[in-house]
Protein backbone atom coordinates (compact mmCIF):
# COMPACT_ATOMS: atom_id res chain seq x y z
CA MET A 1 60.05 -80.91 -114.90
CA GLU A 2 62.65 -81.98 -111.95
CA ARG A 3 60.16 -82.41 -108.59
CA HIS A 4 61.62 -80.61 -105.83
CA VAL A 5 62.28 -83.30 -102.83
CA PRO A 6 62.59 -80.87 -99.51
CA GLU A 7 65.59 -81.84 -97.06
CA PRO A 8 64.41 -82.67 -93.70
CA THR A 9 65.91 -80.39 -90.72
CA HIS A 10 69.21 -81.91 -89.13
CA THR A 11 68.28 -82.28 -85.34
CA LEU A 12 70.38 -83.09 -82.39
CA GLU A 13 68.28 -84.00 -79.11
CA GLY A 14 69.14 -83.53 -75.52
CA TRP A 15 67.35 -83.78 -72.02
CA HIS A 16 63.46 -84.61 -71.92
CA VAL A 17 60.99 -82.32 -70.79
CA LEU A 18 57.70 -82.22 -68.92
CA HIS A 19 55.44 -79.38 -68.49
CA ASP A 20 53.23 -80.36 -65.84
CA PHE A 21 50.53 -77.66 -64.82
CA ARG A 22 48.41 -78.28 -62.18
CA LEU A 23 45.73 -76.47 -60.35
CA LEU A 24 45.42 -76.33 -56.70
CA ASP A 25 41.92 -76.88 -54.69
CA PHE A 26 42.31 -73.86 -52.75
CA THR A 27 39.12 -74.57 -50.58
CA ARG A 28 40.00 -78.34 -49.95
CA TRP A 29 43.83 -77.42 -49.01
CA PHE A 30 43.07 -74.53 -46.62
CA SER A 31 39.89 -76.90 -45.23
CA ALA A 32 42.25 -79.78 -44.46
CA PRO A 33 43.70 -80.06 -40.82
CA LEU A 34 47.28 -78.21 -40.41
CA GLU A 35 48.91 -81.51 -39.45
CA ALA A 36 47.78 -83.11 -42.93
CA ARG A 37 48.76 -79.76 -44.78
CA GLU A 38 52.27 -80.14 -42.76
CA ASP A 39 52.85 -83.78 -43.70
CA ALA A 40 51.91 -82.85 -47.64
CA TRP A 41 54.61 -80.03 -47.47
CA GLU A 42 57.23 -82.29 -45.85
CA GLU A 43 56.73 -84.78 -48.50
CA LEU A 44 56.76 -82.20 -51.31
CA LYS A 45 59.79 -80.75 -49.50
CA GLY A 46 61.61 -84.23 -49.79
CA LEU A 47 60.54 -84.69 -53.64
CA VAL A 48 62.36 -81.54 -54.20
CA ARG A 49 65.48 -82.12 -52.42
CA GLU A 50 65.64 -85.26 -54.61
CA TRP A 51 64.93 -83.03 -57.94
CA ARG A 52 68.00 -80.50 -56.43
CA GLU A 53 70.39 -83.45 -55.88
CA LEU A 54 69.66 -85.05 -59.38
CA GLU A 55 70.59 -81.49 -60.87
CA GLU A 56 73.55 -80.98 -58.80
CA ALA A 57 74.51 -84.40 -60.05
CA GLY A 58 74.19 -83.19 -63.86
CA GLN A 59 71.08 -85.71 -64.38
CA GLY A 60 68.65 -82.90 -65.03
CA SER A 61 66.94 -79.94 -64.01
CA TYR A 62 63.86 -78.30 -62.40
CA GLY A 63 61.75 -75.47 -61.57
CA ILE A 64 58.47 -74.91 -59.97
CA TYR A 65 56.32 -71.70 -60.75
CA GLN A 66 53.09 -69.95 -59.47
CA VAL A 67 51.47 -69.43 -62.61
CA VAL A 68 49.37 -66.20 -63.58
CA GLY A 69 45.53 -66.79 -64.55
CA HIS A 70 42.96 -69.23 -65.00
CA LYS A 71 44.90 -71.84 -66.67
CA ALA A 72 47.01 -72.99 -63.68
CA ASP A 73 48.25 -72.30 -60.51
CA LEU A 74 51.50 -74.20 -60.56
CA LEU A 75 53.96 -75.31 -63.11
CA PHE A 76 56.49 -78.34 -62.35
CA LEU A 77 59.00 -78.21 -64.78
CA ASN A 78 61.33 -81.24 -65.17
CA LEU A 79 64.27 -82.09 -67.33
CA ARG A 80 65.73 -85.37 -67.68
CA PRO A 81 68.31 -87.57 -69.77
CA GLY A 82 65.44 -89.86 -70.87
CA LEU A 83 61.83 -90.74 -70.70
CA ASP A 84 61.90 -93.12 -68.11
CA PRO A 85 63.42 -90.92 -65.02
CA LEU A 86 60.75 -88.31 -66.42
CA LEU A 87 57.70 -90.81 -66.06
CA GLU A 88 59.26 -91.35 -62.43
CA ALA A 89 59.57 -87.67 -61.70
CA GLU A 90 56.00 -87.17 -62.64
CA ALA A 91 54.50 -90.44 -60.76
CA ARG A 92 56.20 -89.29 -57.71
CA LEU A 93 54.25 -86.10 -57.60
CA SER A 94 50.96 -87.65 -58.48
CA ARG A 95 51.34 -90.43 -55.75
CA SER A 96 52.09 -87.62 -53.26
CA ALA A 97 49.89 -86.65 -50.38
CA PHE A 98 49.94 -83.06 -51.89
CA ALA A 99 48.48 -84.36 -55.29
CA ARG A 100 45.22 -84.90 -53.22
CA TYR A 101 44.52 -81.17 -53.49
CA LEU A 102 45.78 -81.05 -56.92
CA GLY A 103 44.09 -81.32 -60.58
CA ARG A 104 45.51 -81.17 -63.75
CA SER A 105 45.20 -78.62 -66.19
CA TYR A 106 47.72 -78.98 -69.01
CA SER A 107 51.20 -81.04 -70.08
CA PHE A 108 53.50 -80.71 -72.58
CA TYR A 109 56.03 -83.63 -73.23
CA SER A 110 58.96 -82.73 -75.74
CA VAL A 111 62.70 -83.20 -76.12
CA VAL A 112 65.33 -80.49 -76.09
CA GLU A 113 66.16 -79.63 -79.57
CA LEU A 114 68.85 -77.94 -81.72
CA GLY A 115 68.30 -77.69 -85.51
CA SER A 116 70.42 -76.97 -88.63
CA GLN A 117 68.39 -76.37 -91.95
CA GLU A 118 71.75 -77.38 -94.18
CA LYS A 119 74.33 -79.40 -92.33
CA PRO A 120 74.51 -81.42 -89.33
CA LEU A 121 75.65 -79.66 -85.85
CA ASP A 122 78.75 -81.31 -83.82
CA PRO A 123 77.21 -82.62 -80.78
CA GLU A 124 80.68 -82.35 -78.99
CA SER A 125 80.88 -78.51 -79.78
CA PRO A 126 81.18 -76.36 -76.62
CA TYR A 127 78.64 -74.36 -78.37
CA VAL A 128 76.19 -76.98 -79.00
CA LYS A 129 76.61 -79.40 -76.02
CA PRO A 130 75.54 -76.99 -73.00
CA ARG A 131 72.47 -76.14 -75.10
CA LEU A 132 71.18 -79.73 -75.07
CA THR A 133 71.15 -80.07 -71.52
CA PRO A 134 70.18 -76.22 -70.21
CA ARG A 135 69.78 -75.71 -66.56
CA VAL A 136 66.57 -74.00 -65.28
CA PRO A 137 67.32 -70.87 -64.04
CA LYS A 138 66.65 -70.73 -59.92
CA SER A 139 64.99 -67.11 -60.14
CA GLY A 140 62.82 -64.59 -62.26
CA TYR A 141 59.92 -65.68 -64.49
CA VAL A 142 59.16 -68.15 -67.31
CA CYS A 143 56.99 -67.85 -70.37
CA PHE A 144 55.92 -71.41 -71.95
CA TYR A 145 54.21 -71.80 -75.26
CA PRO A 146 53.64 -74.86 -77.89
CA MET A 147 53.95 -73.97 -81.45
CA ASN A 148 53.89 -75.38 -85.12
CA LYS A 149 55.17 -74.55 -88.57
CA ARG A 150 52.62 -74.11 -90.68
CA ARG A 151 51.84 -76.34 -93.93
CA GLN A 152 48.79 -74.86 -95.50
CA GLY A 153 48.83 -74.15 -99.44
CA GLN A 154 51.60 -72.02 -100.60
CA ASP A 155 52.76 -71.42 -97.01
CA ASN A 156 54.08 -74.97 -96.22
CA TRP A 157 57.03 -74.57 -94.18
CA TYR A 158 58.02 -78.45 -95.07
CA MET A 159 58.10 -77.72 -98.73
CA LEU A 160 60.59 -75.08 -98.57
CA PRO A 161 64.39 -75.85 -99.80
CA ALA A 162 66.73 -75.98 -97.02
CA LYS A 163 68.53 -73.10 -98.09
CA GLU A 164 65.53 -70.76 -98.04
CA ARG A 165 64.56 -72.07 -94.59
CA ALA A 166 68.15 -71.77 -93.24
CA SER A 167 67.83 -68.05 -94.60
CA LEU A 168 64.47 -67.26 -92.78
CA MET A 169 65.98 -68.95 -89.45
CA LYS A 170 69.10 -66.75 -89.58
CA ALA A 171 66.95 -63.76 -89.56
CA HIS A 172 64.83 -65.04 -86.76
CA GLY A 173 68.01 -65.69 -84.78
CA GLU A 174 69.23 -62.43 -85.45
CA THR A 175 66.07 -60.94 -83.77
CA GLY A 176 66.77 -63.24 -80.75
CA ARG A 177 70.21 -62.24 -80.26
CA LYS A 178 69.00 -58.74 -79.64
CA TYR A 179 67.73 -60.15 -76.15
CA GLN A 180 70.86 -61.72 -75.14
CA GLY A 181 71.11 -61.55 -71.71
CA LYS A 182 67.63 -60.39 -71.11
CA VAL A 183 65.98 -63.51 -72.42
CA MET A 184 67.20 -67.32 -71.98
CA GLN A 185 65.46 -69.53 -74.70
CA VAL A 186 65.06 -73.36 -74.95
CA ILE A 187 63.34 -74.71 -77.92
CA SER A 188 62.30 -78.52 -77.64
CA GLY A 189 60.86 -80.84 -80.32
CA ALA A 190 57.67 -82.74 -79.55
CA GLN A 191 57.31 -83.91 -83.23
CA GLY A 192 55.33 -87.54 -82.67
CA LEU A 193 55.29 -86.78 -78.73
CA ASP A 194 52.33 -84.09 -78.42
CA ASP A 195 49.88 -82.29 -79.81
CA TRP A 196 52.33 -79.24 -80.89
CA GLU A 197 55.61 -79.39 -82.94
CA TRP A 198 57.75 -77.58 -80.40
CA GLY A 199 57.69 -75.93 -76.95
CA VAL A 200 59.29 -72.99 -76.38
CA ASP A 201 60.48 -71.54 -72.87
CA LEU A 202 61.46 -68.24 -72.03
CA PHE A 203 63.32 -67.33 -69.04
CA SER A 204 63.82 -63.68 -67.82
CA GLU A 205 64.11 -61.52 -64.63
CA ASP A 206 61.54 -59.07 -66.46
CA PRO A 207 58.47 -60.60 -67.71
CA VAL A 208 57.87 -57.48 -70.00
CA GLN A 209 60.69 -59.12 -72.12
CA PHE A 210 58.55 -61.77 -72.96
CA LYS A 211 55.99 -59.58 -74.63
CA LYS A 212 59.00 -57.64 -76.33
CA ILE A 213 61.00 -60.50 -77.83
CA VAL A 214 57.60 -62.41 -79.21
CA TYR A 215 56.21 -59.19 -80.51
CA GLU A 216 59.26 -58.49 -82.41
CA MET A 217 59.85 -61.73 -83.56
CA ARG A 218 56.01 -61.87 -85.17
CA PHE A 219 57.55 -59.65 -87.80
CA ASP A 220 59.91 -61.97 -89.08
CA GLU A 221 58.74 -63.88 -91.81
CA VAL A 222 59.23 -67.33 -90.30
CA SER A 223 56.85 -66.15 -87.78
CA ALA A 224 54.16 -64.00 -89.57
CA ARG A 225 54.23 -66.30 -92.46
CA TYR A 226 54.67 -69.78 -91.06
CA GLY A 227 54.30 -69.84 -87.16
CA GLU A 228 51.15 -71.15 -85.47
CA PHE A 229 51.09 -70.63 -81.83
CA GLY A 230 49.28 -72.36 -78.63
CA PRO A 231 48.26 -70.99 -75.30
CA PHE A 232 50.60 -69.16 -73.49
CA PHE A 233 51.54 -69.71 -69.94
CA VAL A 234 53.57 -67.12 -67.67
CA GLY A 235 54.59 -68.03 -64.01
CA LYS A 236 56.89 -66.99 -61.32
CA TYR A 237 59.90 -69.20 -59.84
CA LEU A 238 59.33 -70.25 -56.41
CA ASP A 239 61.85 -71.14 -54.01
CA GLU A 240 61.24 -73.31 -50.89
CA GLU A 241 60.54 -70.03 -48.92
CA ALA A 242 58.32 -68.77 -51.59
CA LEU A 243 56.41 -72.08 -52.55
CA ARG A 244 55.75 -72.24 -48.79
CA ALA A 245 54.47 -69.02 -48.53
CA PHE A 246 52.04 -69.68 -51.76
CA LEU A 247 50.74 -72.95 -49.47
CA GLY A 248 50.07 -70.46 -46.75
CA LEU A 249 52.22 -72.37 -44.35
């Protein structure tokens, strides 16, 4: 009998992504002299201004979010053309005066990814190219979670023929298209880069849409049979005024 050799997925890679989740020591922050807090704020504002200028120049994107629940207080989301500028963005935040009041709670490093199960995608396609360099919406909410494809016994995604994987992903995509205009989705690959295989970002003006789309997608076979999910983080976008208010300044 001829042995089936699985065909790897064809992928295109775009911007590098860092989800940098931090806890704010509120007691220490509010115990600090007002002048020290104002100085830390001015430095943080300058850093965010640099991120905004990079975004305007087409060299990345960013977003800062207030995270609900105990897992984190703030998410600093940065996208850059490569790992080196992403490392610099992380280091600049960690070296800032504001970082003295922050603790690390979780992080995830990945690369924006578009995949095709049966044939390569055209990187210059007007449909493909913008999706490799997504711009973070400057309002609304984000839902982030890491995930794997199961590889246990008969439920091994990586042993399926490409044609079968393509059929399953097509059905999954049809569910996602129901939420077009309600939810923006960014998929990033982390195989060999972090502890999970993918990171998923959902952006919406209504956080209830996160529940609806994830719940509906759980009934797709690709999720119900092959999906494994990590922790979920939900946050609200903070512009400069909202971030200052969050910091009590």
